[in-house]
PDB file of N, CA and C in Angstrom:
ATOM      1  N   MET A   1       0.756  -1.252  -0.031  1.00  0.00           N
ATOM      2  CA  MET A   1       0.157   0.160  -0.138  1.00  0.00           C
ATOM      3  C   MET A   1       0.828   1.392  -0.051  1.00  0.00           C
ATOM      4  N   PHE A   2       2.270   1.359   0.904  1.00  0.00           N
ATOM      5  CA  PHE A   2       2.782   2.331   0.968  1.00  0.00           C
ATOM      6  C   PHE A   2       3.427   2.501  -0.524  1.00  0.00           C
ATOM      7  N   ALA A   3       4.060   1.392  -0.996  1.00  0.00           N
ATOM      8  CA  ALA A   3       4.548   1.740  -2.396  1.00  0.00           C
ATOM      9  C   ALA A   3       3.760   2.144  -3.417  1.00  0.00           C
ATOM     10  N   GLU A   4       2.550   1.627  -3.167  1.00  0.00           N
ATOM     11  CA  GLU A   4       1.629   1.926  -4.294  1.00  0.00           C
ATOM     12  C   GLU A   4       1.188   3.650  -4.201  1.00  0.00           C
ATOM     13  N   SER A   5       1.304   4.162  -2.947  1.00  0.00           N
ATOM     14  CA  SER A   5       1.001   5.681  -3.095  1.00  0.00           C
ATOM     15  C   SER A   5       2.272   6.343  -3.385  1.00  0.00           C
ATOM     16  N   ILE A   6       3.341   5.929  -3.231  1.00  0.00           N
ATOM     17  CA  ILE A   6       4.575   6.696  -3.738  1.00  0.00           C
ATOM     18  C   ILE A   6       4.395   6.493  -5.300  1.00  0.00           C
ATOM     19  N   VAL A   7       4.245   5.288  -5.723  1.00  0.00           N
ATOM     20  CA  VAL A   7       4.197   5.316  -7.215  1.00  0.00           C
ATOM     21  C   VAL A   7       3.159   6.242  -7.707  1.00  0.00           C
ATOM     22  N   GLN A   8       1.718   6.141  -7.109  1.00  0.00           N
ATOM     23  CA  GLN A   8       0.820   7.290  -7.653  1.00  0.00           C
ATOM     24  C   GLN A   8       1.159   8.721  -7.588  1.00  0.00           C
ATOM     25  N   ARG A   9       2.071   9.079  -6.564  1.00  0.00           N
ATOM     26  CA  ARG A   9       2.627  10.558  -6.216  1.00  0.00           C
ATOM     27  C   ARG A   9       3.542  10.872  -7.453  1.00  0.00           C
ATOM     28  N   THR A  10       4.250   9.758  -7.716  1.00  0.00           N
ATOM     29  CA  THR A  10       5.351   9.934  -8.755  1.00  0.00           C
ATOM     30  C   THR A  10       4.634   9.955 -10.073  1.00  0.00           C
ATOM     31  N   ILE A  11       3.700   9.335 -10.421  1.00  0.00           N
ATOM     32  CA  ILE A  11       2.942   9.521 -11.670  1.00  0.00           C
ATOM     33  C   ILE A  11       2.315  10.951 -11.949  1.00  0.00           C
ATOM     34  N   MET A  12       1.761  11.265 -10.716  1.00  0.00           N
ATOM     35  CA  MET A  12       1.027  12.635 -10.773  1.00  0.00           C
ATOM     36  C   MET A  12       2.050  13.685 -11.036  1.00  0.00           C
ATOM     37  N   ALA A  13       3.095  13.670 -10.306  1.00  0.00           N
ATOM     38  CA  ALA A  13       4.168  14.738 -10.297  1.00  0.00           C
ATOM     39  C   ALA A  13       4.511  14.648 -11.789  1.00  0.00           C
ATOM     40  N   GLN A  14       4.964  13.543 -12.452  1.00  0.00           N
ATOM     41  CA  GLN A  14       5.442  13.585 -13.938  1.00  0.00           C
ATOM     42  C   GLN A  14       4.181  14.202 -14.815  1.00  0.00           C
ATOM     43  N   GLN A  15       2.952  13.693 -14.464  1.00  0.00           N
ATOM     44  CA  GLN A  15       1.897  14.391 -15.402  1.00  0.00           C
ATOM     45  C   GLN A  15       1.735  15.999 -15.180  1.00  0.00           C
ATOM     46  N   GLU A  16       2.045  16.244 -14.214  1.00  0.00           N
ATOM     47  CA  GLU A  16       1.954  17.873 -13.847  1.00  0.00           C
ATOM     48  C   GLU A  16       3.258  18.512 -14.545  1.00  0.00           C
ATOM     49  N   GLU A  17       4.264  17.902 -14.218  1.00  0.00           N
ATOM     50  CA  GLU A  17       5.426  18.585 -15.279  1.00  0.00           C
ATOM     51  C   GLU A  17       5.324  18.532 -16.438  1.00  0.00           C
ATOM     52  N   GLN A  18       4.707  17.265 -17.113  1.00  0.00           N
ATOM     53  CA  GLN A  18       4.289  17.502 -18.686  1.00  0.00           C
ATOM     54  C   GLN A  18       3.335  18.325 -18.860  1.00  0.00           C
ATOM     55  N   ARG A  19       2.388  18.784 -18.125  1.00  0.00           N
ATOM     56  CA  ARG A  19       1.219  19.768 -18.525  1.00  0.00           C
ATOM     57  C   ARG A  19       2.103  21.027 -18.528  1.00  0.00           C
ATOM     58  N   ALA A  20       2.965  21.315 -17.344  1.00  0.00           N
ATOM     59  CA  ALA A  20       3.736  22.624 -17.382  1.00  0.00           C
ATOM     60  C   ALA A  20       4.409  22.689 -18.731  1.00  0.00           C
ATOM     61  N   ALA A  21       5.213  21.609 -19.086  1.00  0.00           N
ATOM     62  CA  ALA A  21       6.180  21.970 -20.216  1.00  0.00           C
ATOM     63  C   ALA A  21       5.156  22.272 -21.355  1.00  0.00           C
ATOM     64  N   ILE A  22       4.122  21.677 -21.760  1.00  0.00           N
ATOM     65  CA  ILE A  22       3.119  21.887 -22.736  1.00  0.00           C
ATOM     66  C   ILE A  22       2.672  23.528 -22.589  1.00  0.00           C
ATOM     67  N   LEU A  23       2.593  23.794 -21.351  1.00  0.00           N
ATOM     68  CA  LEU A  23       1.790  25.127 -21.240  1.00  0.00           C
ATOM     69  C   LEU A  23       3.108  26.240 -21.765  1.00  0.00           C
ATOM     70  N   ARG A  24       4.325  26.091 -21.223  1.00  0.00           N
ATOM     71  CA  ARG A  24       5.376  26.670 -21.595  1.00  0.00           C
ATOM     72  C   ARG A  24       5.618  26.929 -23.168  1.00  0.00           C
ATOM     73  N   GLU A  25       5.733  25.743 -23.565  1.00  0.00           N
ATOM     74  CA  GLU A  25       5.721  25.464 -25.315  1.00  0.00           C
ATOM     75  C   GLU A  25       4.898  26.095 -26.066  1.00  0.00           C
ATOM     76  N   ALA A  26       3.612  26.258 -25.435  1.00  0.00           N
ATOM     77  CA  ALA A  26       2.378  26.805 -26.198  1.00  0.00           C
ATOM     78  C   ALA A  26       2.511  28.480 -26.034  1.00  0.00           C
ATOM     79  N   GLU A  27       3.257  29.005 -24.999  1.00  0.00           N
ATOM     80  CA  GLU A  27       3.397  30.432 -24.511  1.00  0.00           C
ATOM     81  C   GLU A  27       4.852  30.859 -25.339  1.00  0.00           C
ATOM     82  N   GLU A  28       5.431  29.931 -25.905  1.00  0.00           N
ATOM     83  CA  GLU A  28       6.991  30.306 -26.466  1.00  0.00           C
ATOM     84  C   GLU A  28       6.636  31.369 -27.583  1.00  0.00           C
ATOM     85  N   THR A  29       7.463  32.274 -27.694  1.00  0.00           N
ATOM     86  CA  THR A  29       7.547  33.279 -28.866  1.00  0.00           C
ATOM     87  C   THR A  29       8.686  32.921 -29.730  1.00  0.00           C
ATOM     88  N   TYR A  30       8.471  33.167 -31.070  1.00  0.00           N
ATOM     89  CA  TYR A  30       9.701  33.000 -31.716  1.00  0.00           C
ATOM     90  C   TYR A  30       9.739  34.129 -32.531  1.00  0.00           C
ATOM     91  N   LEU A  31      11.194  34.146 -32.886  1.00  0.00           N
ATOM     92  CA  LEU A  31      11.813  35.527 -33.818  1.00  0.00           C
ATOM     93  C   LEU A  31      12.385  34.865 -34.966  1.00  0.00           C
ATOM     94  N   ASN A  32      12.432  35.730 -36.091  1.00  0.00           N
ATOM     95  CA  ASN A  32      12.798  35.188 -37.217  1.00  0.00           C
ATOM     96  C   ASN A  32      14.126  35.462 -37.534  1.00  0.00           C
ATOM     97  N   THR A  33      14.963  35.168 -38.474  1.00  0.00           N
ATOM     98  CA  THR A  33      16.559  35.335 -38.669  1.00  0.00           C
ATOM     99  C   THR A  33      16.876  36.831 -38.421  1.00  0.00           C
ATOM    100  N   ARG A  34      16.296  37.468 -39.301  1.00  0.00           N
ATOM    101  CA  ARG A  34      16.463  38.962 -39.207  1.00  0.00           C
ATOM    102  C   ARG A  34      16.556  39.578 -37.844  1.00  0.00           C
ATOM    103  N   GLN A  35      15.339  38.987 -37.134  1.00  0.00           N
ATOM    104  CA  GLN A  35      15.194  39.907 -35.547  1.00  0.00           C
ATOM    105  C   GLN A  35      16.307  39.145 -34.706  1.00  0.00           C
ATOM    106  N   VAL A  36      16.875  37.885 -34.874  1.00  0.00           N
ATOM    107  CA  VAL A  36      17.690  37.384 -33.960  1.00  0.00           C
ATOM    108  C   VAL A  36      18.932  37.965 -34.319  1.00  0.00           C
ATOM    109  N   ARG A  37      19.326  38.286 -35.398  1.00  0.00           N
ATOM    110  CA  ARG A  37      20.679  38.824 -35.705  1.00  0.00           C
ATOM    111  C   ARG A  37      20.745  40.107 -35.354  1.00  0.00           C
ATOM    112  N   GLU A  38      19.690  40.747 -35.519  1.00  0.00           N
ATOM    113  CA  GLU A  38      19.716  42.382 -34.765  1.00  0.00           C
ATOM    114  C   GLU A  38      19.853  42.096 -33.519  1.00  0.00           C
ATOM    115  N   LEU A  39      19.219  41.468 -32.811  1.00  0.00           N
ATOM    116  CA  LEU A  39      19.227  41.271 -31.114  1.00  0.00           C
ATOM    117  C   LEU A  39      20.557  40.796 -30.493  1.00  0.00           C
ATOM    118  N   LEU A  40      21.074  39.972 -31.443  1.00  0.00           N
ATOM    119  CA  LEU A  40      22.535  39.408 -31.021  1.00  0.00           C
ATOM    120  C   LEU A  40      23.685  40.123 -31.694  1.00  0.00           C
ATOM    121  N   ASN A  41      23.343  40.827 -32.717  1.00  0.00           N
ATOM    122  CA  ASN A  41      24.174  41.558 -33.355  1.00  0.00           C
ATOM    123  C   ASN A  41      25.287  40.561 -33.888  1.00  0.00           C
ATOM    124  N   VAL A  42      24.803  39.584 -34.707  1.00  0.00           N
ATOM    125  CA  VAL A  42      25.687  38.780 -35.497  1.00  0.00           C
ATOM    126  C   VAL A  42      25.456  38.550 -36.928  1.00  0.00           C
ATOM    127  N   CYS A  43      25.831  37.878 -37.732  1.00  0.00           N
ATOM    128  CA  CYS A  43      25.827  37.804 -39.092  1.00  0.00           C
ATOM    129  C   CYS A  43      24.976  36.416 -39.397  1.00  0.00           C
ATOM    130  N   GLU A  44      24.727  36.390 -40.474  1.00  0.00           N
ATOM    131  CA  GLU A  44      23.688  35.180 -40.865  1.00  0.00           C
ATOM    132  C   GLU A  44      24.594  33.643 -40.845  1.00  0.00           C
ATOM    133  N   GLY A  45      26.108  34.277 -41.129  1.00  0.00           N
ATOM    134  CA  GLY A  45      26.999  32.909 -41.054  1.00  0.00           C
ATOM    135  C   GLY A  45      27.211  32.318 -39.834  1.00  0.00           C
ATOM    136  N   THR A  46      27.227  33.356 -38.937  1.00  0.00           N
ATOM    137  CA  THR A  46      27.099  32.899 -37.030  1.00  0.00           C
ATOM    138  C   THR A  46      26.041  32.177 -36.984  1.00  0.00           C
ATOM    139  N   LEU A  47      24.952  32.464 -37.238  1.00  0.00           N
ATOM    140  CA  LEU A  47      23.734  31.577 -36.786  1.00  0.00           C
ATOM    141  C   LEU A  47      23.712  30.392 -37.565  1.00  0.00           C
ATOM    142  N   ASN A  48      24.061  30.349 -38.973  1.00  0.00           N
ATOM    143  CA  ASN A  48      24.374  29.058 -39.401  1.00  0.00           C
ATOM    144  C   ASN A  48      25.344  28.161 -38.684  1.00  0.00           C
ATOM    145  N   LEU A  49      26.422  28.739 -38.218  1.00  0.00           N
ATOM    146  CA  LEU A  49      27.364  27.951 -37.685  1.00  0.00           C
ATOM    147  C   LEU A  49      26.949  27.508 -36.293  1.00  0.00           C
ATOM    148  N   TRP A  50      26.173  28.371 -35.460  1.00  0.00           N
ATOM    149  CA  TRP A  50      25.716  27.873 -34.217  1.00  0.00           C
ATOM    150  C   TRP A  50      24.693  26.776 -34.341  1.00  0.00           C
ATOM    151  N   ALA A  51      23.879  26.812 -35.360  1.00  0.00           N
ATOM    152  CA  ALA A  51      22.878  25.710 -35.797  1.00  0.00           C
ATOM    153  C   ALA A  51      23.610  24.630 -36.152  1.00  0.00           C
ATOM    154  N   LYS A  52      24.634  24.508 -36.990  1.00  0.00           N
ATOM    155  CA  LYS A  52      25.472  23.130 -37.193  1.00  0.00           C
ATOM    156  C   LYS A  52      25.873  22.799 -35.910  1.00  0.00           C
ATOM    157  N   ARG A  53      26.411  23.588 -35.017  1.00  0.00           N
ATOM    158  CA  ARG A  53      27.178  23.118 -33.684  1.00  0.00           C
ATOM    159  C   ARG A  53      26.030  22.828 -32.786  1.00  0.00           C
ATOM    160  N   GLY A  54      24.712  23.035 -32.604  1.00  0.00           N
ATOM    161  CA  GLY A  54      24.013  22.887 -31.848  1.00  0.00           C
ATOM    162  C   GLY A  54      23.983  24.044 -30.778  1.00  0.00           C
ATOM    163  N   TYR A  55      24.591  25.149 -30.832  1.00  0.00           N
ATOM    164  CA  TYR A  55      24.523  26.140 -29.897  1.00  0.00           C
ATOM    165  C   TYR A  55      23.227  27.121 -30.117  1.00  0.00           C
ATOM    166  N   LEU A  56      22.866  27.338 -31.151  1.00  0.00           N
ATOM    167  CA  LEU A  56      21.332  27.924 -31.140  1.00  0.00           C
ATOM    168  C   LEU A  56      20.562  27.392 -32.449  1.00  0.00           C
ATOM    169  N   VAL A  57      19.777  26.480 -32.270  1.00  0.00           N
ATOM    170  CA  VAL A  57      19.194  25.586 -33.387  1.00  0.00           C
ATOM    171  C   VAL A  57      17.852  26.212 -33.800  1.00  0.00           C
ATOM    172  N   PRO A  58      17.582  26.375 -34.879  1.00  0.00           N
ATOM    173  CA  PRO A  58      16.207  27.063 -35.233  1.00  0.00           C
ATOM    174  C   PRO A  58      15.252  25.923 -35.332  1.00  0.00           C
ATOM    175  N   VAL A  59      14.095  26.416 -35.515  1.00  0.00           N
ATOM    176  CA  VAL A  59      12.834  25.619 -35.631  1.00  0.00           C
ATOM    177  C   VAL A  59      12.386  25.983 -37.233  1.00  0.00           C
ATOM    178  N   LYS A  60      12.161  24.954 -37.821  1.00  0.00           N
ATOM    179  CA  LYS A  60      11.706  25.381 -39.270  1.00  0.00           C
ATOM    180  C   LYS A  60      10.027  25.487 -39.433  1.00  0.00           C
ATOM    181  N   VAL A  61       9.577  26.691 -39.877  1.00  0.00           N
ATOM    182  CA  VAL A  61       8.498  26.612 -40.018  1.00  0.00           C
ATOM    183  C   VAL A  61       7.967  27.119 -41.544  1.00  0.00           C
ATOM    184  N   GLY A  62       7.720  26.288 -42.161  1.00  0.00           N
ATOM    185  CA  GLY A  62       7.555  26.309 -43.715  1.00  0.00           C
ATOM    186  C   GLY A  62       8.958  26.245 -44.017  1.00  0.00           C
ATOM    187  N   ASN A  63       9.526  27.228 -44.816  1.00  0.00           N
ATOM    188  CA  ASN A  63      10.836  27.314 -45.353  1.00  0.00           C
ATOM    189  C   ASN A  63      11.412  28.250 -44.557  1.00  0.00           C
ATOM    190  N   LYS A  64      11.087  28.717 -43.405  1.00  0.00           N
ATOM    191  CA  LYS A  64      11.849  29.874 -42.661  1.00  0.00           C
ATOM    192  C   LYS A  64      12.523  29.378 -41.435  1.00  0.00           C
ATOM    193  N   ASN A  65      13.529  29.985 -40.868  1.00  0.00           N
ATOM    194  CA  ASN A  65      14.174  29.371 -39.542  1.00  0.00           C
ATOM    195  C   ASN A  65      13.471  30.533 -38.461  1.00  0.00           C
ATOM    196  N   MET A  66      12.835  30.034 -37.706  1.00  0.00           N
ATOM    197  CA  MET A  66      12.535  30.578 -36.315  1.00  0.00           C
ATOM    198  C   MET A  66      13.344  30.136 -35.375  1.00  0.00           C
ATOM    199  N   TYR A  67      13.466  31.314 -34.437  1.00  0.00           N
ATOM    200  CA  TYR A  67      14.317  30.890 -33.102  1.00  0.00           C
ATOM    201  C   TYR A  67      13.447  30.965 -31.860  1.00  0.00           C
ATOM    202  N   ALA A  68      13.480  30.148 -30.722  1.00  0.00           N
ATOM    203  CA  ALA A  68      12.662  30.447 -29.822  1.00  0.00           C
ATOM    204  C   ALA A  68      13.416  31.550 -28.867  1.00  0.00           C
ATOM    205  N   LYS A  69      12.525  32.315 -28.238  1.00  0.00           N
ATOM    206  CA  LYS A  69      12.948  33.542 -27.501  1.00  0.00           C
ATOM    207  C   LYS A  69      13.786  32.944 -26.204  1.00  0.00           C
ATOM    208  N   SER A  70      13.508  31.841 -25.742  1.00  0.00           N
ATOM    209  CA  SER A  70      14.026  31.370 -24.490  1.00  0.00           C
ATOM    210  C   SER A  70      15.512  30.810 -24.960  1.00  0.00           C
ATOM    211  N   ASP A  71      15.658  30.561 -25.985  1.00  0.00           N
ATOM    212  CA  ASP A  71      16.760  29.933 -26.574  1.00  0.00           C
ATOM    213  C   ASP A  71      17.852  31.260 -26.874  1.00  0.00           C
ATOM    214  N   ILE A  72      17.357  32.324 -27.298  1.00  0.00           N
ATOM    215  CA  ILE A  72      18.046  33.387 -27.399  1.00  0.00           C
ATOM    216  C   ILE A  72      18.402  34.058 -26.005  1.00  0.00           C
ATOM    217  N   ARG A  73      17.433  34.191 -25.083  1.00  0.00           N
ATOM    218  CA  ARG A  73      17.764  34.357 -23.543  1.00  0.00           C
ATOM    219  C   ARG A  73      18.985  33.548 -22.935  1.00  0.00           C
ATOM    220  N   ARG A  74      18.973  32.381 -23.297  1.00  0.00           N
ATOM    221  CA  ARG A  74      19.877  31.630 -22.735  1.00  0.00           C
ATOM    222  C   ARG A  74      21.223  31.749 -23.371  1.00  0.00           C
ATOM    223  N   VAL A  75      21.438  32.171 -24.783  1.00  0.00           N
ATOM    224  CA  VAL A  75      22.509  32.670 -25.315  1.00  0.00           C
ATOM    225  C   VAL A  75      23.152  33.724 -24.949  1.00  0.00           C
ATOM    226  N   GLN A  76      22.085  34.932 -24.703  1.00  0.00           N
ATOM    227  CA  GLN A  76      22.420  36.223 -24.130  1.00  0.00           C
ATOM    228  C   GLN A  76      22.837  35.955 -22.825  1.00  0.00           C
ATOM    229  N   THR A  77      22.345  35.407 -21.971  1.00  0.00           N
ATOM    230  CA  THR A  77      22.861  35.234 -20.566  1.00  0.00           C
ATOM    231  C   THR A  77      23.938  34.349 -20.180  1.00  0.00           C
ATOM    232  N   GLY A  78      23.884  33.220 -21.062  1.00  0.00           N
ATOM    233  CA  GLY A  78      25.195  32.111 -20.970  1.00  0.00           C
ATOM    234  C   GLY A  78      24.406  31.363 -20.114  1.00  0.00           C
ATOM    235  N   ASN A  79      23.220  31.256 -19.661  1.00  0.00           N
ATOM    236  CA  ASN A  79      22.600  30.156 -18.774  1.00  0.00           C
ATOM    237  C   ASN A  79      22.784  28.731 -19.566  1.00  0.00           C
ATOM    238  N   LYS A  80      23.498  27.819 -18.699  1.00  0.00           N
ATOM    239  CA  LYS A  80      23.408  26.394 -19.118  1.00  0.00           C
ATOM    240  C   LYS A  80      24.314  26.081 -20.077  1.00  0.00           C
ATOM    241  N   SER A  81      25.016  27.248 -20.684  1.00  0.00           N
ATOM    242  CA  SER A  81      25.865  27.133 -22.039  1.00  0.00           C
ATOM    243  C   SER A  81      26.773  28.470 -21.967  1.00  0.00           C
ATOM    244  N   GLU A  82      27.832  28.260 -22.758  1.00  0.00           N
ATOM    245  CA  GLU A  82      28.751  29.556 -22.563  1.00  0.00           C
ATOM    246  C   GLU A  82      27.854  30.686 -23.270  1.00  0.00           C
ATOM    247  N   SER A  83      28.479  31.845 -22.897  1.00  0.00           N
ATOM    248  CA  SER A  83      27.922  32.961 -23.534  1.00  0.00           C
ATOM    249  C   SER A  83      28.532  33.303 -24.782  1.00  0.00           C
ATOM    250  N   VAL A  84      27.837  34.209 -25.718  1.00  0.00           N
ATOM    251  CA  VAL A  84      27.988  34.264 -26.948  1.00  0.00           C
ATOM    252  C   VAL A  84      29.553  34.881 -27.044  1.00  0.00           C
ATOM    253  N   THR A  85      29.839  35.819 -26.075  1.00  0.00           N
ATOM    254  CA  THR A  85      31.384  36.427 -26.143  1.00  0.00           C
ATOM    255  C   THR A  85      32.079  35.338 -26.041  1.00  0.00           C
ATOM    256  N   SER A  86      32.206  34.516 -24.839  1.00  0.00           N
ATOM    257  CA  SER A  86      33.334  33.566 -24.710  1.00  0.00           C
ATOM    258  C   SER A  86      33.306  32.354 -25.840  1.00  0.00           C
ATOM    259  N   TYR A  87      31.972  32.171 -26.507  1.00  0.00           N
ATOM    260  CA  TYR A  87      32.016  31.278 -27.513  1.00  0.00           C
ATOM    261  C   TYR A  87      33.073  31.714 -28.709  1.00  0.00           C
ATOM    262  N   CYS A  88      32.581  33.076 -29.037  1.00  0.00           N
ATOM    263  CA  CYS A  88      33.389  33.843 -30.135  1.00  0.00           C
ATOM    264  C   CYS A  88      34.931  33.735 -29.783  1.00  0.00           C
ATOM    265  N   LYS A  89      35.343  34.283 -28.617  1.00  0.00           N
ATOM    266  CA  LYS A  89      36.635  34.259 -28.244  1.00  0.00           C
ATOM    267  C   LYS A  89      37.411  32.842 -28.403  1.00  0.00           C
ATOM    268  N   LYS A  90      36.725  32.012 -28.013  1.00  0.00           N
ATOM    269  CA  LYS A  90      37.338  30.639 -28.042  1.00  0.00           C
ATOM    270  C   LYS A  90      37.625  30.249 -29.270  1.00  0.00           C
ATOM    271  N   ASN A  91      36.625  30.600 -30.506  1.00  0.00           N
ATOM    272  CA  ASN A  91      36.680  30.130 -31.596  1.00  0.00           C
ATOM    273  C   ASN A  91      37.375  30.973 -32.717  1.00  0.00           C
ATOM    274  N   ASN A  92      37.735  32.136 -32.129  1.00  0.00           N
ATOM    275  CA  ASN A  92      38.231  33.058 -32.986  1.00  0.00           C
ATOM    276  C   ASN A  92      39.882  33.480 -32.717  1.00  0.00           C
ATOM    277  N   GLY A  93      40.220  32.630 -31.408  1.00  0.00           N
ATOM    278  CA  GLY A  93      41.635  32.695 -31.028  1.00  0.00           C
ATOM    279  C   GLY A  93      41.641  33.646 -30.063  1.00  0.00           C
TER     280      GLY A  93
END
């Protein structure tokens, strides 16, 4: 009985986490390539390189690349990844 209650609580917690993730994704804002280039002050070649290396990967919407605003914030702040400045310094010598 004790084990069953733990399993039930675990399942409920996972379901709640999934619901929260779905809500976050539904509320996500996306920016086009031009907006991202202006915001991060980088060229299109840099965005292509970052996509290739998995640093800032776009989502395809039709034939356009769109970038999640949360990913752009991550790049700007360096949260859970290196910052744009340190990335560029490391790769440019």
